[in-house]
PDB file of all heavy atoms in Angstrom:
ATOM      1  N   VAL A   1       0.850  -1.189   0.000  1.00  0.00           N
ATOM      2  CA  VAL A   1       0.000   0.000   0.000  1.00  0.00           C
ATOM      3  C   VAL A   1       0.885   1.237   0.000  1.00  0.00           C
ATOM      4  O   VAL A   1       2.025   1.212   0.460  1.00  0.00           O
ATOM      5  CB  VAL A   1      -0.952   0.046   1.223  1.00  0.00           C
ATOM      6  CG1 VAL A   1      -1.998  -1.035   1.149  1.00  0.00           C
ATOM      7  CG2 VAL A   1      -0.176  -0.029   2.526  1.00  0.00           C
ATOM      8  N   VAL A   2       0.332   2.309  -0.525  1.00  0.00           N
ATOM      9  CA  VAL A   2       1.015   3.606  -0.562  1.00  0.00           C
ATOM     10  C   VAL A   2       0.272   4.545   0.382  1.00  0.00           C
ATOM     11  O   VAL A   2      -0.941   4.734   0.249  1.00  0.00           O
ATOM     12  CB  VAL A   2       1.033   4.177  -1.993  1.00  0.00           C
ATOM     13  CG1 VAL A   2       1.595   5.589  -1.994  1.00  0.00           C
ATOM     14  CG2 VAL A   2       1.832   3.279  -2.916  1.00  0.00           C
ATOM     15  N   ALA A   3       0.978   5.092   1.357  1.00  0.00           N
ATOM     16  CA  ALA A   3       0.355   5.982   2.340  1.00  0.00           C
ATOM     17  C   ALA A   3       0.270   7.404   1.792  1.00  0.00           C
ATOM     18  O   ALA A   3       1.238   7.923   1.226  1.00  0.00           O
ATOM     19  CB  ALA A   3       1.156   5.971   3.638  1.00  0.00           C
ATOM     20  N   TYR A   4      -0.885   8.019   1.969  1.00  0.00           N
ATOM     21  CA  TYR A   4      -1.076   9.425   1.580  1.00  0.00           C
ATOM     22  C   TYR A   4      -1.529  10.210   2.806  1.00  0.00           C
ATOM     23  O   TYR A   4      -2.538   9.882   3.435  1.00  0.00           O
ATOM     24  CB  TYR A   4      -2.111   9.548   0.463  1.00  0.00           C
ATOM     25  CG  TYR A   4      -2.414  10.984   0.086  1.00  0.00           C
ATOM     26  CD1 TYR A   4      -1.481  11.765  -0.594  1.00  0.00           C
ATOM     27  CD2 TYR A   4      -3.638  11.562   0.407  1.00  0.00           C
ATOM     28  CE1 TYR A   4      -1.748  13.075  -0.939  1.00  0.00           C
ATOM     29  CE2 TYR A   4      -3.922  12.877   0.061  1.00  0.00           C
ATOM     30  CZ  TYR A   4      -2.976  13.620  -0.613  1.00  0.00           C
ATOM     31  OH  TYR A   4      -3.249  14.947  -0.950  1.00  0.00           O
ATOM     32  N   LEU A   5      -0.744  11.234   3.173  1.00  0.00           N
ATOM     33  CA  LEU A   5      -1.040  12.072   4.327  1.00  0.00           C
ATOM     34  C   LEU A   5      -1.277  13.492   3.836  1.00  0.00           C
ATOM     35  O   LEU A   5      -0.592  13.972   2.934  1.00  0.00           O
ATOM     36  CB  LEU A   5       0.123  12.077   5.320  1.00  0.00           C
ATOM     37  CG  LEU A   5       0.416  10.810   6.132  1.00  0.00           C
ATOM     38  CD1 LEU A   5       0.875   9.662   5.244  1.00  0.00           C
ATOM     39  CD2 LEU A   5       1.502  11.097   7.168  1.00  0.00           C
ATOM     40  N   ARG A   6      -2.241  14.178   4.434  1.00  0.00           N
ATOM     41  CA  ARG A   6      -2.515  15.555   4.022  1.00  0.00           C
ATOM     42  C   ARG A   6      -2.917  16.395   5.224  1.00  0.00           C
ATOM     43  O   ARG A   6      -3.700  15.953   6.061  1.00  0.00           O
ATOM     44  CB  ARG A   6      -3.629  15.609   2.971  1.00  0.00           C
ATOM     45  CG  ARG A   6      -3.925  17.019   2.454  1.00  0.00           C
ATOM     46  CD  ARG A   6      -4.951  16.972   1.335  1.00  0.00           C
ATOM     47  NE  ARG A   6      -6.285  16.651   1.833  1.00  0.00           N
ATOM     48  CZ  ARG A   6      -7.185  17.566   2.195  1.00  0.00           C
ATOM     49  NH1 ARG A   6      -6.886  18.857   2.143  1.00  0.00           N
ATOM     50  NH2 ARG A   6      -8.374  17.201   2.625  1.00  0.00           N
ATOM     51  N   VAL A   7      -2.383  17.586   5.294  1.00  0.00           N
ATOM     52  CA  VAL A   7      -2.800  18.551   6.302  1.00  0.00           C
ATOM     53  C   VAL A   7      -3.040  19.883   5.615  1.00  0.00           C
ATOM     54  O   VAL A   7      -2.497  20.179   4.560  1.00  0.00           O
ATOM     55  CB  VAL A   7      -1.753  18.730   7.428  1.00  0.00           C
ATOM     56  CG1 VAL A   7      -1.687  17.503   8.303  1.00  0.00           C
ATOM     57  CG2 VAL A   7      -0.383  19.055   6.856  1.00  0.00           C
ATOM     58  N   SER A   8      -3.867  20.698   6.235  1.00  0.00           N
ATOM     59  CA  SER A   8      -4.170  22.017   5.715  1.00  0.00           C
ATOM     60  C   SER A   8      -4.157  22.994   6.865  1.00  0.00           C
ATOM     61  O   SER A   8      -4.704  22.722   7.926  1.00  0.00           O
ATOM     62  CB  SER A   8      -5.540  22.030   5.039  1.00  0.00           C
ATOM     63  OG  SER A   8      -6.002  23.351   4.867  1.00  0.00           O
ATOM     64  N   THR A   9      -3.556  24.167   6.673  1.00  0.00           N
ATOM     65  CA  THR A   9      -3.526  25.155   7.749  1.00  0.00           C
ATOM     66  C   THR A   9      -4.911  25.633   8.091  1.00  0.00           C
ATOM     67  O   THR A   9      -5.165  26.074   9.196  1.00  0.00           O
ATOM     68  CB  THR A   9      -2.663  26.364   7.350  1.00  0.00           C
ATOM     69  OG1 THR A   9      -3.177  26.926   6.131  1.00  0.00           O
ATOM     70  CG2 THR A   9      -1.228  25.963   7.138  1.00  0.00           C
ATOM     71  N   SER A  10      -5.854  25.530   7.156  1.00  0.00           N
ATOM     72  CA  SER A  10      -7.200  26.032   7.416  1.00  0.00           C
ATOM     73  C   SER A  10      -8.138  24.960   7.926  1.00  0.00           C
ATOM     74  O   SER A  10      -9.159  25.255   8.517  1.00  0.00           O
ATOM     75  CB  SER A  10      -7.797  26.641   6.140  1.00  0.00           C
ATOM     76  OG  SER A  10      -7.901  25.674   5.125  1.00  0.00           O
ATOM     77  N   ARG A  11      -7.825  23.676   7.717  1.00  0.00           N
ATOM     78  CA  ARG A  11      -8.778  22.629   8.050  1.00  0.00           C
ATOM     79  C   ARG A  11      -8.213  21.532   8.942  1.00  0.00           C
ATOM     80  O   ARG A  11      -8.911  20.610   9.295  1.00  0.00           O
ATOM     81  CB  ARG A  11      -9.324  21.981   6.771  1.00  0.00           C
ATOM     82  CG  ARG A  11     -10.180  22.907   5.959  1.00  0.00           C
ATOM     83  CD  ARG A  11     -10.937  22.130   4.897  1.00  0.00           C
ATOM     84  NE  ARG A  11     -10.063  21.597   3.874  1.00  0.00           N
ATOM     85  CZ  ARG A  11      -9.747  22.234   2.758  1.00  0.00           C
ATOM     86  NH1 ARG A  11     -10.198  23.442   2.545  1.00  0.00           N
ATOM     87  NH2 ARG A  11      -8.964  21.683   1.859  1.00  0.00           N
ATOM     88  N   GLN A  12      -6.975  21.620   9.335  1.00  0.00           N
ATOM     89  CA  GLN A  12      -6.394  20.540  10.129  1.00  0.00           C
ATOM     90  C   GLN A  12      -7.134  20.354  11.447  1.00  0.00           C
ATOM     91  O   GLN A  12      -7.395  19.241  11.872  1.00  0.00           O
ATOM     92  CB  GLN A  12      -4.923  20.815  10.413  1.00  0.00           C
ATOM     93  CG  GLN A  12      -4.267  19.691  11.231  1.00  0.00           C
ATOM     94  CD  GLN A  12      -2.865  20.041  11.661  1.00  0.00           C
ATOM     95  OE1 GLN A  12      -2.396  21.129  11.388  1.00  0.00           O
ATOM     96  NE2 GLN A  12      -2.206  19.139  12.335  1.00  0.00           N
ATOM     97  N   GLY A  13      -7.459  21.477  12.111  1.00  0.00           N
ATOM     98  CA  GLY A  13      -8.137  21.375  13.389  1.00  0.00           C
ATOM     99  C   GLY A  13      -9.467  20.665  13.300  1.00  0.00           C
ATOM    100  O   GLY A  13      -9.874  19.936  14.190  1.00  0.00           O
ATOM    101  N   ARG A  14     -10.174  20.821  12.181  1.00  0.00           N
ATOM    102  CA  ARG A  14     -11.463  20.177  12.001  1.00  0.00           C
ATOM    103  C   ARG A  14     -11.308  18.661  11.911  1.00  0.00           C
ATOM    104  O   ARG A  14     -12.134  17.900  12.359  1.00  0.00           O
ATOM    105  CB  ARG A  14     -12.126  20.733  10.737  1.00  0.00           C
ATOM    106  CG  ARG A  14     -13.590  20.411  10.630  1.00  0.00           C
ATOM    107  CD  ARG A  14     -14.160  20.944   9.325  1.00  0.00           C
ATOM    108  NE  ARG A  14     -13.864  22.349   9.153  1.00  0.00           N
ATOM    109  CZ  ARG A  14     -14.086  22.996   8.010  1.00  0.00           C
ATOM    110  NH1 ARG A  14     -14.578  22.355   6.973  1.00  0.00           N
ATOM    111  NH2 ARG A  14     -13.807  24.272   7.910  1.00  0.00           N
ATOM    112  N   SER A  15     -10.232  18.215  11.315  1.00  0.00           N
ATOM    113  CA  SER A  15     -10.017  16.780  11.157  1.00  0.00           C
ATOM    114  C   SER A  15      -9.483  16.155  12.439  1.00  0.00           C
ATOM    115  O   SER A  15      -9.810  15.039  12.779  1.00  0.00           O
ATOM    116  CB  SER A  15      -9.030  16.512  10.015  1.00  0.00           C
ATOM    117  OG  SER A  15      -8.624  15.177  10.035  1.00  0.00           O
ATOM    118  N   GLY A  16      -8.628  16.894  13.142  1.00  0.00           N
ATOM    119  CA  GLY A  16      -8.048  16.369  14.358  1.00  0.00           C
ATOM    120  C   GLY A  16      -6.884  15.439  14.127  1.00  0.00           C
ATOM    121  O   GLY A  16      -6.442  14.753  15.038  1.00  0.00           O
ATOM    122  N   LEU A  17      -6.389  15.380  12.905  1.00  0.00           N
ATOM    123  CA  LEU A  17      -5.272  14.490  12.607  1.00  0.00           C
ATOM    124  C   LEU A  17      -4.136  15.269  11.951  1.00  0.00           C
ATOM    125  O   LEU A  17      -4.252  15.690  10.806  1.00  0.00           O
ATOM    126  CB  LEU A  17      -5.712  13.362  11.670  1.00  0.00           C
ATOM    127  CG  LEU A  17      -6.461  12.177  12.292  1.00  0.00           C
ATOM    128  CD1 LEU A  17      -6.780  11.152  11.228  1.00  0.00           C
ATOM    129  CD2 LEU A  17      -5.656  11.544  13.401  1.00  0.00           C
ATOM    130  N   GLY A  18      -3.038  15.443  12.698  1.00  0.00           N
ATOM    131  CA  GLY A  18      -1.849  16.022  12.101  1.00  0.00           C
ATOM    132  C   GLY A  18      -1.046  14.947  11.397  1.00  0.00           C
ATOM    133  O   GLY A  18      -1.435  13.773  11.351  1.00  0.00           O
ATOM    134  N   LEU A  19       0.101  15.321  10.882  1.00  0.00           N
ATOM    135  CA  LEU A  19       0.914  14.379  10.117  1.00  0.00           C
ATOM    136  C   LEU A  19       1.320  13.169  10.931  1.00  0.00           C
ATOM    137  O   LEU A  19       1.171  12.025  10.485  1.00  0.00           O
ATOM    138  CB  LEU A  19       2.170  15.096   9.587  1.00  0.00           C
ATOM    139  CG  LEU A  19       1.986  16.026   8.399  1.00  0.00           C
ATOM    140  CD1 LEU A  19       3.307  16.700   8.056  1.00  0.00           C
ATOM    141  CD2 LEU A  19       1.459  15.263   7.191  1.00  0.00           C
ATOM    142  N   GLU A  20       1.844  13.406  12.128  1.00  0.00           N
ATOM    143  CA  GLU A  20       2.320  12.288  12.936  1.00  0.00           C
ATOM    144  C   GLU A  20       1.173  11.361  13.326  1.00  0.00           C
ATOM    145  O   GLU A  20       1.331  10.128  13.348  1.00  0.00           O
ATOM    146  CB  GLU A  20       3.050  12.808  14.178  1.00  0.00           C
ATOM    147  CG  GLU A  20       4.371  13.505  13.883  1.00  0.00           C
ATOM    148  CD  GLU A  20       5.357  12.594  13.154  1.00  0.00           C
ATOM    149  OE1 GLU A  20       5.303  11.371  13.378  1.00  0.00           O
ATOM    150  OE2 GLU A  20       6.160  13.104  12.372  1.00  0.00           O
ATOM    151  N   ALA A  21       0.024  11.937  13.647  1.00  0.00           N
ATOM    152  CA  ALA A  21      -1.127  11.117  14.016  1.00  0.00           C
ATOM    153  C   ALA A  21      -1.596  10.275  12.839  1.00  0.00           C
ATOM    154  O   ALA A  21      -1.935   9.096  12.991  1.00  0.00           O
ATOM    155  CB  ALA A  21      -2.259  12.002  14.519  1.00  0.00           C
ATOM    156  N   GLN A  22      -1.621  10.861  11.638  1.00  0.00           N
ATOM    157  CA  GLN A  22      -2.014  10.107  10.449  1.00  0.00           C
ATOM    158  C   GLN A  22      -1.017   8.980  10.181  1.00  0.00           C
ATOM    159  O   GLN A  22      -1.402   7.846   9.860  1.00  0.00           O
ATOM    160  CB  GLN A  22      -2.070  11.029   9.234  1.00  0.00           C
ATOM    161  CG  GLN A  22      -3.207  12.029   9.255  1.00  0.00           C
ATOM    162  CD  GLN A  22      -3.185  12.942   8.052  1.00  0.00           C
ATOM    163  OE1 GLN A  22      -3.242  12.495   6.913  1.00  0.00           O
ATOM    164  NE2 GLN A  22      -3.078  14.247   8.296  1.00  0.00           N
ATOM    165  N   ARG A  23       0.273   9.284  10.300  1.00  0.00           N
ATOM    166  CA  ARG A  23       1.314   8.281  10.037  1.00  0.00           C
ATOM    167  C   ARG A  23       1.184   7.111  11.017  1.00  0.00           C
ATOM    168  O   ARG A  23       1.267   5.944  10.626  1.00  0.00           O
ATOM    169  CB  ARG A  23       2.689   8.933  10.138  1.00  0.00           C
ATOM    170  CG  ARG A  23       3.850   7.993   9.812  1.00  0.00           C
ATOM    171  CD  ARG A  23       5.178   8.727   9.846  1.00  0.00           C
ATOM    172  NE  ARG A  23       5.315   9.640   8.722  1.00  0.00           N
ATOM    173  CZ  ARG A  23       5.456  10.962   8.836  1.00  0.00           C
ATOM    174  NH1 ARG A  23       5.470  11.519  10.042  1.00  0.00           N
ATOM    175  NH2 ARG A  23       5.589  11.724   7.773  1.00  0.00           N
ATOM    176  N   GLU A  24       0.973   7.422  12.287  1.00  0.00           N
ATOM    177  CA  GLU A  24       0.842   6.368  13.296  1.00  0.00           C
ATOM    178  C   GLU A  24      -0.421   5.550  13.051  1.00  0.00           C
ATOM    179  O   GLU A  24      -0.410   4.320  13.184  1.00  0.00           O
ATOM    180  CB  GLU A  24       0.801   6.993  14.688  1.00  0.00           C
ATOM    181  CG  GLU A  24       0.716   5.967  15.815  1.00  0.00           C
ATOM    182  CD  GLU A  24       0.680   6.611  17.176  1.00  0.00           C
ATOM    183  OE1 GLU A  24       0.896   7.843  17.265  1.00  0.00           O
ATOM    184  OE2 GLU A  24       0.433   5.885  18.159  1.00  0.00           O
ATOM    185  N   ASN A  25      -1.499   6.232  12.690  1.00  0.00           N
ATOM    186  CA  ASN A  25      -2.761   5.555  12.407  1.00  0.00           C
ATOM    187  C   ASN A  25      -2.604   4.554  11.268  1.00  0.00           C
ATOM    188  O   ASN A  25      -3.022   3.392  11.373  1.00  0.00           O
ATOM    189  CB  ASN A  25      -3.818   6.617  12.055  1.00  0.00           C
ATOM    190  CG  ASN A  25      -5.190   6.036  11.798  1.00  0.00           C
ATOM    191  OD1 ASN A  25      -5.378   5.266  10.867  1.00  0.00           O
ATOM    192  ND2 ASN A  25      -6.161   6.445  12.598  1.00  0.00           N
ATOM    193  N   ILE A  26      -1.978   4.982  10.178  1.00  0.00           N
ATOM    194  CA  ILE A  26      -1.791   4.114   9.012  1.00  0.00           C
ATOM    195  C   ILE A  26      -0.841   2.966   9.344  1.00  0.00           C
ATOM    196  O   ILE A  26      -1.055   1.824   8.927  1.00  0.00           O
ATOM    197  CB  ILE A  26      -1.269   4.934   7.818  1.00  0.00           C
ATOM    198  CG1 ILE A  26      -2.370   5.881   7.328  1.00  0.00           C
ATOM    199  CG2 ILE A  26      -0.798   4.031   6.680  1.00  0.00           C
ATOM    200  CD1 ILE A  26      -1.903   6.866   6.276  1.00  0.00           C
ATOM    201  N   SER A  27       0.195   3.262  10.110  1.00  0.00           N
ATOM    202  CA  SER A  27       1.167   2.231  10.478  1.00  0.00           C
ATOM    203  C   SER A  27       0.512   1.122  11.300  1.00  0.00           C
ATOM    204  O   SER A  27       0.728  -0.074  11.045  1.00  0.00           O
ATOM    205  CB  SER A  27       2.323   2.862  11.257  1.00  0.00           C
ATOM    206  OG  SER A  27       3.241   1.884  11.671  1.00  0.00           O
ATOM    207  N   ARG A  28      -0.296   1.503  12.287  1.00  0.00           N
ATOM    208  CA  ARG A  28      -0.988   0.507  13.118  1.00  0.00           C
ATOM    209  C   ARG A  28      -1.967  -0.321  12.281  1.00  0.00           C
ATOM    210  O   ARG A  28      -2.053  -1.534  12.428  1.00  0.00           O
ATOM    211  CB  ARG A  28      -1.749   1.200  14.257  1.00  0.00           C
ATOM    212  CG  ARG A  28      -0.878   1.751  15.370  1.00  0.00           C
ATOM    213  CD  ARG A  28      -1.702   1.949  16.637  1.00  0.00           C
ATOM    214  NE  ARG A  28      -2.905   2.720  16.354  1.00  0.00           N
ATOM    215  CZ  ARG A  28      -3.001   4.035  16.493  1.00  0.00           C
ATOM    216  NH1 ARG A  28      -1.951   4.730  16.903  1.00  0.00           N
ATOM    217  NH2 ARG A  28      -4.126   4.664  16.233  1.00  0.00           N
ATOM    218  N   PHE A  29      -2.686   0.367  11.391  1.00  0.00           N
ATOM    219  CA  PHE A  29      -3.659  -0.311  10.544  1.00  0.00           C
ATOM    220  C   PHE A  29      -2.965  -1.327   9.628  1.00  0.00           C
ATOM    221  O   PHE A  29      -3.421  -2.461   9.497  1.00  0.00           O
ATOM    222  CB  PHE A  29      -4.412   0.725   9.714  1.00  0.00           C
ATOM    223  CG  PHE A  29      -5.367   0.141   8.711  1.00  0.00           C
ATOM    224  CD1 PHE A  29      -6.649  -0.210   9.086  1.00  0.00           C
ATOM    225  CD2 PHE A  29      -4.986  -0.051   7.391  1.00  0.00           C
ATOM    226  CE1 PHE A  29      -7.542  -0.750   8.172  1.00  0.00           C
ATOM    227  CE2 PHE A  29      -5.866  -0.593   6.465  1.00  0.00           C
ATOM    228  CZ  PHE A  29      -7.148  -0.947   6.862  1.00  0.00           C
TER     229      PHE A  29
END
């Protein structure tokens, strides 16, 4: 699988997932 991570200065807070959190989430999955 190829991991794709995305953050936005205007919408990151709405998602609640920064880069490190997304990376850890995908790694565990």
